[in-house]
Amino acid sequence: MRLLLLRHLPVQLPPGICYGASDVAARPPTPTELAALRTAIGAVPTRVISSPLRRCEALATALVPGAPVVLDDRLKEINFGDWELRAWDDIDRAQIDAWAASPWGYRMPGGECANDLRNRVLAALDDALQQANQASVVQMLIVTHGGPLRVLRGHLLGLPQAQWLDGSCPPGGLLALARTADGRWQVAPDQP
């Protein structure tokens, strides 16, 4: 099976604004971007799963018009709680430092911690893979956010959890993974 992990396009917010579970729109894809993503994806995915936030759902729908898109709440970005839609510069520096010191365990006021994100994203992945295996899906596309993509990438590639939040997942970035004969996942040889 080939698994494609795609992050939504840049959001329509001013720079420096904290957003996670807030349902903010992304800028619409250009025809050139859609064509490039479709080329990178290759064959039309037999299963498309997306975060229900419009910045993901709109991209999934635009990429595979007419195909059913399964929306899964568990693929939403982390809930930053009281920080949502505030300028990063306006958030108490001591709180940001506490989060940086313990990124998996620190719970944003009124929000989630990264362990919560991990648990729900991996539950969504387990369900998606089980359903894909039962339906003999050859290629599955998951459209989601930077946080969930880091969790998915780290888990699937067998990285230590301490490394999962490292690395970038740029808006519009696509990661193609392939399952090996022994059931492990690796970056697909045709990764764009």
N, C-alpha and C. Protein backbone atom coordinates (compact mmCIF):
# COMPACT_ATOMS: atom_id res chain seq x y z
N MET A 1 0.84 -1.18 0.00
CA MET A 1 0.00 0.00 0.00
C MET A 1 0.88 1.24 0.00
N ARG A 2 0.41 2.24 -0.67
CA ARG A 2 1.07 3.54 -0.69
C ARG A 2 0.21 4.51 0.11
N LEU A 3 0.84 5.23 1.03
CA LEU A 3 0.14 6.17 1.88
C LEU A 3 0.70 7.56 1.63
N LEU A 4 -0.19 8.48 1.28
CA LEU A 4 0.20 9.86 0.98
C LEU A 4 -0.28 10.77 2.11
N LEU A 5 0.64 11.52 2.66
CA LEU A 5 0.33 12.46 3.74
C LEU A 5 0.52 13.86 3.20
N LEU A 6 -0.53 14.66 3.22
CA LEU A 6 -0.52 15.99 2.62
C LEU A 6 -0.97 17.03 3.63
N ARG A 7 -0.20 18.11 3.73
CA ARG A 7 -0.60 19.23 4.58
C ARG A 7 -1.36 20.25 3.74
N HIS A 8 -2.32 20.89 4.37
CA HIS A 8 -3.10 21.94 3.72
C HIS A 8 -2.19 23.07 3.24
N LEU A 9 -2.73 23.94 2.41
CA LEU A 9 -2.01 25.10 1.89
C LEU A 9 -1.95 26.20 2.96
N PRO A 10 -1.18 27.27 2.74
CA PRO A 10 -1.08 28.36 3.73
C PRO A 10 -2.46 28.93 4.09
N VAL A 11 -2.61 29.23 5.37
CA VAL A 11 -3.88 29.77 5.85
C VAL A 11 -4.00 31.26 5.55
N GLN A 12 -5.24 31.72 5.57
CA GLN A 12 -5.52 33.13 5.31
C GLN A 12 -5.59 33.89 6.64
N LEU A 13 -4.44 33.96 7.28
CA LEU A 13 -4.28 34.72 8.52
C LEU A 13 -3.01 35.54 8.42
N PRO A 14 -2.95 36.64 9.14
CA PRO A 14 -1.69 37.39 9.15
C PRO A 14 -0.58 36.55 9.77
N PRO A 15 0.67 36.79 9.41
CA PRO A 15 1.78 36.05 10.03
C PRO A 15 1.80 36.29 11.54
N GLY A 16 2.28 35.29 12.27
CA GLY A 16 2.45 35.44 13.71
C GLY A 16 1.23 35.13 14.54
N ILE A 17 0.19 34.55 13.93
CA ILE A 17 -1.03 34.21 14.66
C ILE A 17 -1.00 32.72 14.99
N CYS A 18 -1.32 32.38 16.23
CA CYS A 18 -1.40 30.99 16.67
C CYS A 18 -2.74 30.42 16.21
N TYR A 19 -2.69 29.34 15.48
CA TYR A 19 -3.93 28.67 15.08
C TYR A 19 -3.67 27.18 15.12
N GLY A 20 -4.67 26.45 15.48
CA GLY A 20 -4.58 25.00 15.53
C GLY A 20 -5.93 24.44 15.15
N ALA A 21 -6.77 24.18 16.16
CA ALA A 21 -8.08 23.59 15.92
C ALA A 21 -9.10 24.60 15.39
N SER A 22 -8.74 25.87 15.33
CA SER A 22 -9.65 26.87 14.76
C SER A 22 -9.87 26.58 13.28
N ASP A 23 -11.10 26.74 12.84
CA ASP A 23 -11.43 26.42 11.45
C ASP A 23 -11.19 27.63 10.55
N VAL A 24 -9.92 27.89 10.28
CA VAL A 24 -9.56 28.99 9.39
C VAL A 24 -9.32 28.44 7.98
N ALA A 25 -9.64 29.25 7.01
CA ALA A 25 -9.50 28.83 5.61
C ALA A 25 -8.06 28.95 5.16
N ALA A 26 -7.71 28.11 4.22
CA ALA A 26 -6.43 28.24 3.50
C ALA A 26 -6.71 28.99 2.22
N ARG A 27 -5.66 29.54 1.64
CA ARG A 27 -5.88 30.16 0.33
C ARG A 27 -6.19 29.05 -0.66
N PRO A 28 -7.02 29.35 -1.64
CA PRO A 28 -7.38 28.31 -2.62
C PRO A 28 -6.15 27.90 -3.43
N PRO A 29 -6.09 26.63 -3.82
CA PRO A 29 -4.98 26.20 -4.66
C PRO A 29 -5.10 26.79 -6.06
N THR A 30 -3.96 27.11 -6.64
CA THR A 30 -3.97 27.56 -8.02
C THR A 30 -4.08 26.34 -8.93
N PRO A 31 -4.49 26.52 -10.17
CA PRO A 31 -4.51 25.38 -11.10
C PRO A 31 -3.14 24.71 -11.23
N THR A 32 -2.08 25.51 -11.19
CA THR A 32 -0.73 24.95 -11.29
C THR A 32 -0.41 24.08 -10.08
N GLU A 33 -0.78 24.55 -8.88
CA GLU A 33 -0.55 23.76 -7.67
C GLU A 33 -1.34 22.46 -7.70
N LEU A 34 -2.61 22.53 -8.11
CA LEU A 34 -3.42 21.32 -8.20
C LEU A 34 -2.80 20.32 -9.18
N ALA A 35 -2.38 20.81 -10.32
CA ALA A 35 -1.77 19.92 -11.32
C ALA A 35 -0.49 19.29 -10.78
N ALA A 36 0.34 20.08 -10.09
CA ALA A 36 1.59 19.54 -9.53
C ALA A 36 1.31 18.50 -8.45
N LEU A 37 0.32 18.76 -7.59
CA LEU A 37 -0.02 17.79 -6.55
C LEU A 37 -0.59 16.51 -7.16
N ARG A 38 -1.45 16.66 -8.15
CA ARG A 38 -2.02 15.46 -8.81
C ARG A 38 -0.92 14.63 -9.47
N THR A 39 0.05 15.32 -10.07
CA THR A 39 1.18 14.59 -10.68
C THR A 39 1.98 13.87 -9.61
N ALA A 40 2.25 14.54 -8.50
CA ALA A 40 3.02 13.92 -7.41
C ALA A 40 2.27 12.75 -6.80
N ILE A 41 0.96 12.87 -6.70
CA ILE A 41 0.15 11.80 -6.12
C ILE A 41 0.11 10.60 -7.06
N GLY A 42 0.06 10.85 -8.34
CA GLY A 42 0.02 9.75 -9.30
C GLY A 42 -1.40 9.24 -9.46
N ALA A 43 -1.56 7.93 -9.35
CA ALA A 43 -2.87 7.31 -9.51
C ALA A 43 -3.84 7.90 -8.49
N VAL A 44 -5.08 8.02 -8.90
CA VAL A 44 -6.11 8.56 -8.01
C VAL A 44 -6.22 7.65 -6.78
N PRO A 45 -6.13 8.22 -5.59
CA PRO A 45 -6.23 7.40 -4.37
C PRO A 45 -7.58 6.70 -4.29
N THR A 46 -7.57 5.46 -3.82
CA THR A 46 -8.81 4.72 -3.67
C THR A 46 -9.51 5.04 -2.36
N ARG A 47 -8.80 5.73 -1.46
CA ARG A 47 -9.41 6.20 -0.22
C ARG A 47 -8.81 7.56 0.11
N VAL A 48 -9.69 8.53 0.42
CA VAL A 48 -9.25 9.87 0.79
C VAL A 48 -9.85 10.19 2.15
N ILE A 49 -8.98 10.53 3.10
CA ILE A 49 -9.40 10.87 4.46
C ILE A 49 -8.86 12.26 4.76
N SER A 50 -9.65 13.07 5.45
CA SER A 50 -9.25 14.45 5.71
C SER A 50 -9.70 14.89 7.09
N SER A 51 -8.94 15.82 7.63
CA SER A 51 -9.42 16.59 8.76
C SER A 51 -10.68 17.32 8.29
N PRO A 52 -11.66 17.50 9.17
CA PRO A 52 -12.86 18.22 8.75
C PRO A 52 -12.68 19.74 8.69
N LEU A 53 -11.54 20.24 9.16
CA LEU A 53 -11.34 21.69 9.09
C LEU A 53 -11.24 22.09 7.62
N ARG A 54 -11.87 23.20 7.27
CA ARG A 54 -12.05 23.55 5.86
C ARG A 54 -10.74 23.70 5.10
N ARG A 55 -9.64 24.06 5.77
CA ARG A 55 -8.38 24.19 5.05
C ARG A 55 -7.89 22.85 4.53
N CYS A 56 -8.31 21.77 5.13
CA CYS A 56 -7.95 20.43 4.64
C CYS A 56 -9.02 19.86 3.72
N GLU A 57 -10.27 19.93 4.17
CA GLU A 57 -11.35 19.36 3.38
C GLU A 57 -11.42 19.99 1.98
N ALA A 58 -11.24 21.29 1.89
CA ALA A 58 -11.31 21.97 0.59
C ALA A 58 -10.21 21.46 -0.34
N LEU A 59 -9.02 21.25 0.18
CA LEU A 59 -7.92 20.75 -0.66
C LEU A 59 -8.18 19.31 -1.08
N ALA A 60 -8.64 18.47 -0.16
CA ALA A 60 -8.93 17.07 -0.49
C ALA A 60 -9.98 16.99 -1.59
N THR A 61 -11.03 17.79 -1.45
CA THR A 61 -12.11 17.79 -2.43
C THR A 61 -11.64 18.31 -3.79
N ALA A 62 -10.80 19.34 -3.77
CA ALA A 62 -10.29 19.90 -5.03
C ALA A 62 -9.34 18.93 -5.74
N LEU A 63 -8.58 18.16 -4.98
CA LEU A 63 -7.61 17.24 -5.58
C LEU A 63 -8.27 16.04 -6.24
N VAL A 64 -9.32 15.55 -5.62
CA VAL A 64 -9.97 14.34 -6.11
C VAL A 64 -11.47 14.62 -6.27
N PRO A 65 -11.82 15.46 -7.27
CA PRO A 65 -13.22 15.85 -7.42
C PRO A 65 -14.11 14.63 -7.69
N GLY A 66 -15.26 14.62 -7.01
CA GLY A 66 -16.22 13.54 -7.20
C GLY A 66 -15.96 12.32 -6.34
N ALA A 67 -14.77 12.20 -5.78
CA ALA A 67 -14.48 11.06 -4.92
C ALA A 67 -14.98 11.34 -3.51
N PRO A 68 -15.44 10.31 -2.81
CA PRO A 68 -15.87 10.56 -1.43
C PRO A 68 -14.67 10.86 -0.55
N VAL A 69 -14.81 11.88 0.28
CA VAL A 69 -13.77 12.24 1.23
C VAL A 69 -14.31 11.92 2.62
N VAL A 70 -13.63 11.04 3.32
CA VAL A 70 -14.01 10.67 4.68
C VAL A 70 -13.41 11.71 5.62
N LEU A 71 -14.26 12.34 6.42
CA LEU A 71 -13.80 13.35 7.38
C LEU A 71 -13.64 12.70 8.74
N ASP A 72 -12.50 12.93 9.36
CA ASP A 72 -12.20 12.34 10.67
C ASP A 72 -11.75 13.43 11.63
N ASP A 73 -12.55 13.71 12.64
CA ASP A 73 -12.24 14.75 13.63
C ASP A 73 -10.90 14.52 14.31
N ARG A 74 -10.47 13.28 14.40
CA ARG A 74 -9.22 12.96 15.10
C ARG A 74 -8.00 13.45 14.35
N LEU A 75 -8.18 13.88 13.10
CA LEU A 75 -7.06 14.39 12.30
C LEU A 75 -6.93 15.91 12.37
N LYS A 76 -7.73 16.55 13.24
CA LYS A 76 -7.61 18.00 13.41
C LYS A 76 -6.25 18.35 14.01
N GLU A 77 -5.85 19.59 13.81
CA GLU A 77 -4.62 20.11 14.42
C GLU A 77 -4.81 20.18 15.93
N ILE A 78 -3.69 20.28 16.65
CA ILE A 78 -3.76 20.40 18.11
C ILE A 78 -4.61 21.60 18.50
N ASN A 79 -5.34 21.45 19.60
CA ASN A 79 -6.16 22.54 20.11
C ASN A 79 -5.30 23.38 21.04
N PHE A 80 -4.97 24.58 20.61
CA PHE A 80 -4.15 25.48 21.42
C PHE A 80 -4.97 26.21 22.50
N GLY A 81 -6.25 25.90 22.62
CA GLY A 81 -7.07 26.45 23.69
C GLY A 81 -7.11 27.97 23.69
N ASP A 82 -6.74 28.55 24.84
CA ASP A 82 -6.79 30.00 25.00
C ASP A 82 -5.83 30.75 24.07
N TRP A 83 -4.89 30.03 23.50
CA TRP A 83 -3.92 30.66 22.59
C TRP A 83 -4.48 30.83 21.18
N GLU A 84 -5.53 30.09 20.85
CA GLU A 84 -6.06 30.09 19.49
C GLU A 84 -6.38 31.50 19.01
N LEU A 85 -5.90 31.80 17.82
CA LEU A 85 -6.14 33.04 17.09
C LEU A 85 -5.60 34.28 17.80
N ARG A 86 -4.64 34.07 18.68
CA ARG A 86 -3.94 35.19 19.32
C ARG A 86 -2.56 35.31 18.67
N ALA A 87 -2.03 36.49 18.69
CA ALA A 87 -0.66 36.68 18.20
C ALA A 87 0.30 35.96 19.16
N TRP A 88 1.27 35.26 18.60
CA TRP A 88 2.26 34.56 19.43
C TRP A 88 2.92 35.55 20.40
N ASP A 89 3.16 36.78 19.94
CA ASP A 89 3.80 37.80 20.79
C ASP A 89 2.93 38.20 21.98
N ASP A 90 1.63 37.94 21.93
CA ASP A 90 0.72 38.30 23.02
C ASP A 90 0.52 37.17 24.04
N ILE A 91 1.09 36.00 23.76
CA ILE A 91 0.94 34.87 24.67
C ILE A 91 2.05 34.93 25.71
N ASP A 92 1.69 34.66 26.96
CA ASP A 92 2.65 34.71 28.07
C ASP A 92 3.89 33.88 27.75
N ARG A 93 5.05 34.52 27.75
CA ARG A 93 6.31 33.87 27.40
C ARG A 93 6.61 32.68 28.31
N ALA A 94 6.23 32.78 29.58
CA ALA A 94 6.47 31.68 30.52
C ALA A 94 5.68 30.43 30.10
N GLN A 95 4.47 30.63 29.57
CA GLN A 95 3.67 29.49 29.09
C GLN A 95 4.32 28.86 27.86
N ILE A 96 4.77 29.68 26.93
CA ILE A 96 5.43 29.15 25.73
C ILE A 96 6.70 28.41 26.12
N ASP A 97 7.46 28.94 27.08
CA ASP A 97 8.68 28.27 27.53
C ASP A 97 8.36 26.93 28.20
N ALA A 98 7.27 26.88 28.97
CA ALA A 98 6.87 25.63 29.61
C ALA A 98 6.49 24.59 28.56
N TRP A 99 5.82 25.02 27.52
CA TRP A 99 5.46 24.13 26.40
C TRP A 99 6.73 23.63 25.71
N ALA A 100 7.66 24.53 25.44
CA ALA A 100 8.91 24.14 24.77
C ALA A 100 9.71 23.16 25.61
N ALA A 101 9.66 23.30 26.93
CA ALA A 101 10.41 22.42 27.82
C ALA A 101 9.80 21.02 27.90
N SER A 102 8.50 20.92 27.68
CA SER A 102 7.81 19.64 27.76
C SER A 102 6.74 19.57 26.68
N PRO A 103 7.15 19.47 25.41
CA PRO A 103 6.17 19.59 24.32
C PRO A 103 5.10 18.49 24.31
N TRP A 104 5.41 17.33 24.81
CA TRP A 104 4.42 16.25 24.79
C TRP A 104 3.47 16.33 25.97
N GLY A 105 3.94 16.83 27.10
CA GLY A 105 3.12 16.81 28.30
C GLY A 105 2.45 18.11 28.65
N TYR A 106 2.96 19.24 28.15
CA TYR A 106 2.38 20.53 28.52
C TYR A 106 1.03 20.71 27.84
N ARG A 107 0.04 21.02 28.65
CA ARG A 107 -1.32 21.26 28.13
C ARG A 107 -1.54 22.77 28.05
N MET A 108 -1.80 23.26 26.85
CA MET A 108 -2.10 24.67 26.68
C MET A 108 -3.36 25.00 27.49
N PRO A 109 -3.42 26.16 28.12
CA PRO A 109 -4.61 26.52 28.89
C PRO A 109 -5.88 26.40 28.04
N GLY A 110 -6.80 25.56 28.47
CA GLY A 110 -8.05 25.36 27.74
C GLY A 110 -7.90 24.49 26.51
N GLY A 111 -6.74 23.89 26.32
CA GLY A 111 -6.50 23.11 25.10
C GLY A 111 -5.96 21.72 25.38
N GLU A 112 -5.13 21.25 24.46
CA GLU A 112 -4.59 19.89 24.50
C GLU A 112 -3.09 19.92 24.77
N CYS A 113 -2.58 18.74 25.07
CA CYS A 113 -1.13 18.53 25.04
C CYS A 113 -0.84 17.65 23.82
N ALA A 114 0.41 17.58 23.44
CA ALA A 114 0.78 16.80 22.25
C ALA A 114 0.50 15.31 22.45
N ASN A 115 0.52 14.82 23.69
CA ASN A 115 0.16 13.42 23.92
C ASN A 115 -1.30 13.17 23.54
N ASP A 116 -2.18 14.14 23.80
CA ASP A 116 -3.58 14.01 23.37
C ASP A 116 -3.66 13.93 21.85
N LEU A 117 -2.93 14.82 21.19
CA LEU A 117 -2.87 14.82 19.72
C LEU A 117 -2.40 13.46 19.22
N ARG A 118 -1.29 12.98 19.78
CA ARG A 118 -0.73 11.69 19.37
C ARG A 118 -1.78 10.58 19.50
N ASN A 119 -2.43 10.51 20.65
CA ASN A 119 -3.37 9.41 20.89
C ASN A 119 -4.51 9.42 19.88
N ARG A 120 -5.08 10.58 19.60
CA ARG A 120 -6.22 10.59 18.68
C ARG A 120 -5.79 10.38 17.24
N VAL A 121 -4.63 10.93 16.85
CA VAL A 121 -4.16 10.76 15.48
C VAL A 121 -3.80 9.30 15.21
N LEU A 122 -3.14 8.66 16.16
CA LEU A 122 -2.77 7.25 15.96
C LEU A 122 -3.99 6.34 15.98
N ALA A 123 -5.03 6.70 16.75
CA ALA A 123 -6.28 5.94 16.70
C ALA A 123 -6.93 6.08 15.32
N ALA A 124 -6.90 7.28 14.77
CA ALA A 124 -7.44 7.50 13.42
C ALA A 124 -6.65 6.70 12.39
N LEU A 125 -5.33 6.69 12.52
CA LEU A 125 -4.49 5.92 11.60
C LEU A 125 -4.80 4.44 11.69
N ASP A 126 -4.88 3.91 12.90
CA ASP A 126 -5.17 2.48 13.06
C ASP A 126 -6.49 2.12 12.39
N ASP A 127 -7.52 2.93 12.61
CA ASP A 127 -8.82 2.66 11.97
C ASP A 127 -8.72 2.75 10.45
N ALA A 128 -8.03 3.77 9.96
CA ALA A 128 -7.91 3.96 8.51
C ALA A 128 -7.16 2.78 7.87
N LEU A 129 -6.07 2.35 8.49
CA LEU A 129 -5.30 1.23 7.93
C LEU A 129 -6.08 -0.07 7.99
N GLN A 130 -6.81 -0.29 9.07
CA GLN A 130 -7.62 -1.50 9.17
C GLN A 130 -8.68 -1.53 8.07
N GLN A 131 -9.37 -0.40 7.88
CA GLN A 131 -10.40 -0.33 6.83
C GLN A 131 -9.77 -0.46 5.45
N ALA A 132 -8.61 0.13 5.25
CA ALA A 132 -7.93 0.05 3.95
C ALA A 132 -7.52 -1.39 3.66
N ASN A 133 -7.02 -2.08 4.66
CA ASN A 133 -6.62 -3.49 4.46
C ASN A 133 -7.83 -4.35 4.12
N GLN A 134 -8.95 -4.12 4.80
CA GLN A 134 -10.16 -4.90 4.54
C GLN A 134 -10.69 -4.64 3.13
N ALA A 135 -10.49 -3.43 2.63
CA ALA A 135 -11.00 -3.05 1.31
C ALA A 135 -9.94 -3.18 0.21
N SER A 136 -8.78 -3.71 0.56
CA SER A 136 -7.67 -3.87 -0.39
C SER A 136 -7.30 -2.55 -1.09
N VAL A 137 -7.25 -1.49 -0.31
CA VAL A 137 -6.89 -0.18 -0.84
C VAL A 137 -5.42 -0.20 -1.25
N VAL A 138 -5.13 0.31 -2.43
CA VAL A 138 -3.77 0.35 -2.95
C VAL A 138 -3.09 1.66 -2.60
N GLN A 139 -3.85 2.75 -2.63
CA GLN A 139 -3.29 4.07 -2.36
C GLN A 139 -4.29 4.89 -1.54
N MET A 140 -3.81 5.43 -0.42
CA MET A 140 -4.67 6.22 0.46
C MET A 140 -4.03 7.59 0.67
N LEU A 141 -4.86 8.62 0.62
CA LEU A 141 -4.43 10.00 0.83
C LEU A 141 -5.04 10.50 2.13
N ILE A 142 -4.18 11.06 3.01
CA ILE A 142 -4.64 11.71 4.24
C ILE A 142 -4.24 13.17 4.14
N VAL A 143 -5.24 14.06 4.22
CA VAL A 143 -5.00 15.50 4.18
C VAL A 143 -5.23 16.03 5.59
N THR A 144 -4.19 16.61 6.17
CA THR A 144 -4.29 17.06 7.55
C THR A 144 -3.36 18.25 7.80
N HIS A 145 -2.86 18.37 9.01
CA HIS A 145 -2.14 19.56 9.49
C HIS A 145 -0.71 19.18 9.88
N GLY A 146 0.09 20.20 10.20
CA GLY A 146 1.49 19.99 10.55
C GLY A 146 1.69 19.09 11.75
N GLY A 147 0.93 19.31 12.84
CA GLY A 147 1.08 18.48 14.03
C GLY A 147 0.75 17.02 13.78
N PRO A 148 -0.45 16.72 13.26
CA PRO A 148 -0.78 15.33 12.95
C PRO A 148 0.20 14.69 11.96
N LEU A 149 0.67 15.46 10.98
CA LEU A 149 1.62 14.88 10.01
C LEU A 149 2.93 14.49 10.68
N ARG A 150 3.40 15.29 11.61
CA ARG A 150 4.63 14.94 12.33
C ARG A 150 4.44 13.65 13.13
N VAL A 151 3.28 13.51 13.77
CA VAL A 151 2.97 12.30 14.53
C VAL A 151 2.92 11.10 13.58
N LEU A 152 2.20 11.24 12.48
CA LEU A 152 2.07 10.13 11.52
C LEU A 152 3.42 9.73 10.95
N ARG A 153 4.19 10.71 10.51
CA ARG A 153 5.50 10.43 9.92
C ARG A 153 6.41 9.73 10.93
N GLY A 154 6.51 10.29 12.14
CA GLY A 154 7.39 9.71 13.15
C GLY A 154 6.99 8.30 13.52
N HIS A 155 5.70 8.09 13.74
CA HIS A 155 5.21 6.76 14.11
C HIS A 155 5.44 5.75 12.99
N LEU A 156 5.02 6.10 11.78
CA LEU A 156 5.11 5.15 10.68
C LEU A 156 6.55 4.80 10.32
N LEU A 157 7.45 5.76 10.45
CA LEU A 157 8.85 5.49 10.12
C LEU A 157 9.63 4.91 11.30
N GLY A 158 8.95 4.70 12.43
CA GLY A 158 9.58 4.06 13.57
C GLY A 158 10.59 4.92 14.30
N LEU A 159 10.44 6.24 14.21
CA LEU A 159 11.37 7.14 14.89
C LEU A 159 11.05 7.19 16.38
N PRO A 160 12.03 7.50 17.22
CA PRO A 160 11.74 7.72 18.64
C PRO A 160 10.80 8.92 18.78
N GLN A 161 9.86 8.84 19.71
CA GLN A 161 8.86 9.91 19.86
C GLN A 161 9.52 11.27 20.08
N ALA A 162 10.66 11.30 20.73
CA ALA A 162 11.35 12.58 20.98
C ALA A 162 11.70 13.29 19.67
N GLN A 163 11.75 12.56 18.56
CA GLN A 163 12.10 13.15 17.26
C GLN A 163 10.88 13.48 16.40
N TRP A 164 9.70 13.09 16.82
CA TRP A 164 8.52 13.26 15.98
C TRP A 164 8.22 14.71 15.65
N LEU A 165 8.47 15.61 16.56
CA LEU A 165 8.13 17.01 16.32
C LEU A 165 9.22 17.75 15.55
N ASP A 166 10.35 17.08 15.32
CA ASP A 166 11.43 17.68 14.55
C ASP A 166 11.07 17.69 13.06
N GLY A 167 11.75 18.50 12.32
CA GLY A 167 11.54 18.52 10.88
C GLY A 167 10.33 19.35 10.50
N SER A 168 10.31 19.74 9.27
CA SER A 168 9.22 20.61 8.83
C SER A 168 8.19 19.82 8.05
N CYS A 169 7.00 20.33 8.05
CA CYS A 169 5.89 19.86 7.23
C CYS A 169 5.31 21.12 6.59
N PRO A 170 5.90 21.61 5.52
CA PRO A 170 5.46 22.89 4.96
C PRO A 170 4.05 22.81 4.39
N PRO A 171 3.34 23.92 4.41
CA PRO A 171 2.01 23.93 3.78
C PRO A 171 2.11 23.44 2.33
N GLY A 172 1.21 22.54 1.98
CA GLY A 172 1.22 21.96 0.64
C GLY A 172 2.22 20.84 0.47
N GLY A 173 2.95 20.51 1.55
CA GLY A 173 3.97 19.45 1.49
C GLY A 173 3.33 18.08 1.44
N LEU A 174 3.92 17.21 0.64
CA LEU A 174 3.42 15.85 0.45
C LEU A 174 4.51 14.85 0.80
N LEU A 175 4.16 13.85 1.59
CA LEU A 175 5.08 12.76 1.92
C LEU A 175 4.44 11.46 1.47
N ALA A 176 5.15 10.72 0.63
CA ALA A 176 4.66 9.43 0.14
C ALA A 176 5.40 8.32 0.88
N LEU A 177 4.64 7.41 1.47
CA LEU A 177 5.20 6.27 2.18
C LEU A 177 4.71 4.98 1.52
N ALA A 178 5.54 3.97 1.59
CA ALA A 178 5.17 2.67 1.04
C ALA A 178 5.39 1.61 2.11
N ARG A 179 4.49 0.63 2.17
CA ARG A 179 4.63 -0.47 3.12
C ARG A 179 5.49 -1.56 2.48
N THR A 180 6.48 -1.99 3.23
CA THR A 180 7.38 -3.04 2.74
C THR A 180 6.72 -4.41 2.93
N ALA A 181 7.34 -5.43 2.36
CA ALA A 181 6.80 -6.79 2.45
C ALA A 181 6.68 -7.26 3.89
N ASP A 182 7.57 -6.76 4.76
CA ASP A 182 7.51 -7.18 6.17
C ASP A 182 6.59 -6.28 7.02
N GLY A 183 5.83 -5.37 6.37
CA GLY A 183 4.85 -4.56 7.07
C GLY A 183 5.35 -3.23 7.60
N ARG A 184 6.64 -2.96 7.45
CA ARG A 184 7.16 -1.67 7.90
C ARG A 184 6.87 -0.61 6.84
N TRP A 185 6.98 0.66 7.25
CA TRP A 185 6.77 1.77 6.32
C TRP A 185 8.10 2.43 6.04
N GLN A 186 8.25 2.89 4.82
CA GLN A 186 9.44 3.64 4.43
C GLN A 186 9.02 4.74 3.45
N VAL A 187 9.89 5.73 3.31
CA VAL A 187 9.62 6.77 2.32
C VAL A 187 9.57 6.08 0.96
N ALA A 188 8.54 6.36 0.20
CA ALA A 188 8.36 5.71 -1.10
C ALA A 188 9.50 6.08 -2.04
N PRO A 189 9.93 5.12 -2.84
CA PRO A 189 11.03 5.40 -3.78
C PRO A 189 10.72 6.55 -4.74
N ASP A 190 9.44 6.76 -5.02
CA ASP A 190 9.05 7.83 -5.94
C ASP A 190 8.60 9.08 -5.20
N GLN A 191 9.04 9.25 -3.94
CA GLN A 191 8.68 10.42 -3.14
C GLN A 191 9.02 11.68 -3.93
N PRO A 192 8.01 12.57 -4.10
CA PRO A 192 8.28 13.81 -4.87
C PRO A 192 9.24 14.72 -4.15
